[in-house]
């Protein structure tokens, strides 16, 4: 997979590294989130919290195709607070990664 990541990076795609210890990949990544083992799900929910709160998601898609979005909002808020307390990933780093991810994936492209 590594050659595909490098090729995508050369085409402008951002490389995220979510690994506990520093690693060669981390030095090449646009964003390195040094997680504690087993906290990647909490990171995803924390990033969702930022994307939701900053309105960086496709509201039309959510309104038409999802169930339980309000529950997800509450869960992601709780997880983000917990993650910031226990998992040593700075809030600014989570926010930076989430915003970059939202823009890279075009998740807010339908908001007008």
Protein backbone atom coordinates (compact mmCIF):
# COMPACT_ATOMS: atom_id res chain seq x y z
CA UNK A 1 0.00 0.00 0.00
CA UNK A 2 2.86 2.41 0.70
CA UNK A 3 3.59 3.14 -3.00
CA UNK A 4 -0.09 4.07 -3.47
CA UNK A 5 0.08 6.47 -0.51
CA UNK A 6 3.18 8.11 -1.94
CA UNK A 7 1.57 8.42 -5.35
CA UNK A 8 -1.56 10.00 -3.85
CA UNK A 9 0.60 12.38 -1.82
CA UNK A 10 2.38 13.52 -4.98
CA UNK A 11 -1.05 14.28 -6.45
CA UNK A 12 -1.92 16.52 -3.50
CA UNK A 13 -3.71 14.11 -1.16
CA UNK A 14 -2.92 14.62 2.51
CA UNK A 15 -1.32 11.82 4.49
CA UNK A 16 -2.53 11.25 8.04
CA UNK A 17 -0.58 9.10 10.45
CA UNK A 18 -2.39 7.82 13.53
CA UNK A 19 0.21 5.77 15.38
CA UNK A 20 1.33 5.73 18.98
CA UNK A 21 5.13 5.82 18.65
CA UNK A 22 7.00 8.03 16.21
CA UNK A 23 7.56 6.23 12.95
CA UNK A 24 9.09 6.94 9.54
CA UNK A 25 5.57 7.39 8.14
CA UNK A 26 4.82 10.00 10.82
CA UNK A 27 7.75 12.12 9.63
CA UNK A 28 6.32 12.07 6.09
CA UNK A 29 2.72 12.70 7.11
CA UNK A 30 0.95 16.02 6.78
CA UNK A 31 -0.63 15.38 10.17
CA UNK A 32 0.59 12.96 12.83
CA UNK A 33 -1.84 12.17 15.63
CA UNK A 34 0.10 10.24 18.23
CA UNK A 35 -2.66 8.11 19.75
CA UNK A 36 -2.58 5.83 22.69
CA UNK A 37 -3.26 2.25 21.56
CA UNK A 38 -6.95 1.46 21.21
CA UNK A 39 -8.15 5.06 20.90
CA UNK A 40 -8.58 5.32 17.13
CA UNK A 41 -12.36 5.02 17.41
CA UNK A 42 -12.42 7.86 19.92
CA UNK A 43 -10.32 9.93 17.52
CA UNK A 44 -12.84 9.33 14.73
CA UNK A 45 -15.70 10.45 16.98
CA UNK A 46 -13.70 13.48 18.11
CA UNK A 47 -13.09 14.46 14.49
CA UNK A 48 -16.80 13.96 13.77
CA UNK A 49 -17.58 16.34 16.60
CA UNK A 50 -15.46 19.07 14.99
CA UNK A 51 -16.93 18.42 11.54
CA UNK A 52 -20.48 18.58 12.94
CA UNK A 53 -19.92 21.67 15.09
CA UNK A 54 -18.19 23.56 12.30
CA UNK A 55 -20.90 22.57 9.79
CA UNK A 56 -18.41 20.84 7.52
CA UNK A 57 -20.76 18.02 6.54
CA UNK A 58 -23.30 17.53 3.79
CA UNK A 59 -26.54 18.51 5.56
CA UNK A 60 -28.73 17.46 2.64
CA UNK A 61 -27.25 13.97 2.69
CA UNK A 62 -27.62 13.72 6.48
CA UNK A 63 -31.24 14.91 6.38
CA UNK A 64 -32.24 12.46 3.64
CA UNK A 65 -30.13 9.39 4.29
CA UNK A 66 -29.26 9.03 7.97
CA UNK A 67 -30.96 8.00 11.19
CA UNK A 68 -29.70 8.93 14.67
CA UNK A 69 -27.66 11.98 13.71
CA UNK A 70 -28.63 13.88 16.89
CA UNK A 71 -27.47 10.92 18.98
CA UNK A 72 -24.18 10.88 17.07
CA UNK A 73 -23.73 14.59 17.84
CA UNK A 74 -24.10 13.95 21.56
CA UNK A 75 -21.85 10.88 21.54
CA UNK A 76 -19.11 12.64 19.59
CA UNK A 77 -19.21 15.59 22.02
CA UNK A 78 -18.83 13.25 25.01
CA UNK A 79 -16.02 11.28 23.38
CA UNK A 80 -14.10 14.42 22.40
CA UNK A 81 -14.11 15.67 26.01
CA UNK A 82 -13.00 12.26 27.26
CA UNK A 83 -10.31 11.96 24.64
CA UNK A 84 -8.88 15.36 25.49
CA UNK A 85 -8.62 14.38 29.15
CA UNK A 86 -7.14 10.91 28.80
CA UNK A 87 -5.56 10.40 25.44
CA UNK A 88 -3.04 13.21 25.11
CA UNK A 89 -3.97 14.31 21.59
CA UNK A 90 -4.13 18.11 21.61
CA UNK A 91 -7.53 19.58 20.74
CA UNK A 92 -5.92 21.86 18.15
CA UNK A 93 -4.43 18.83 16.41
CA UNK A 94 -7.80 17.02 16.32
CA UNK A 95 -9.46 20.16 14.97
CA UNK A 96 -6.76 20.65 12.33
CA UNK A 97 -7.06 17.04 11.18
CA UNK A 98 -10.86 17.13 11.10
CA UNK A 99 -11.05 20.35 9.09
CA UNK A 100 -8.41 19.19 6.64
CA UNK A 101 -10.18 15.84 6.28
CA UNK A 102 -13.57 17.50 5.67
CA UNK A 103 -12.13 19.73 2.98
CA UNK A 104 -10.09 16.93 1.39
CA UNK A 105 -13.09 14.61 1.16
CA UNK A 106 -15.47 17.32 0.02
CA UNK A 107 -17.89 16.51 2.82
CA UNK A 108 -19.07 20.11 2.92
CA UNK A 109 -19.40 20.54 -0.84
CA UNK A 110 -23.21 20.57 -0.81
CA UNK A 111 -23.69 23.23 1.84
CA UNK A 112 -23.63 26.13 -0.60
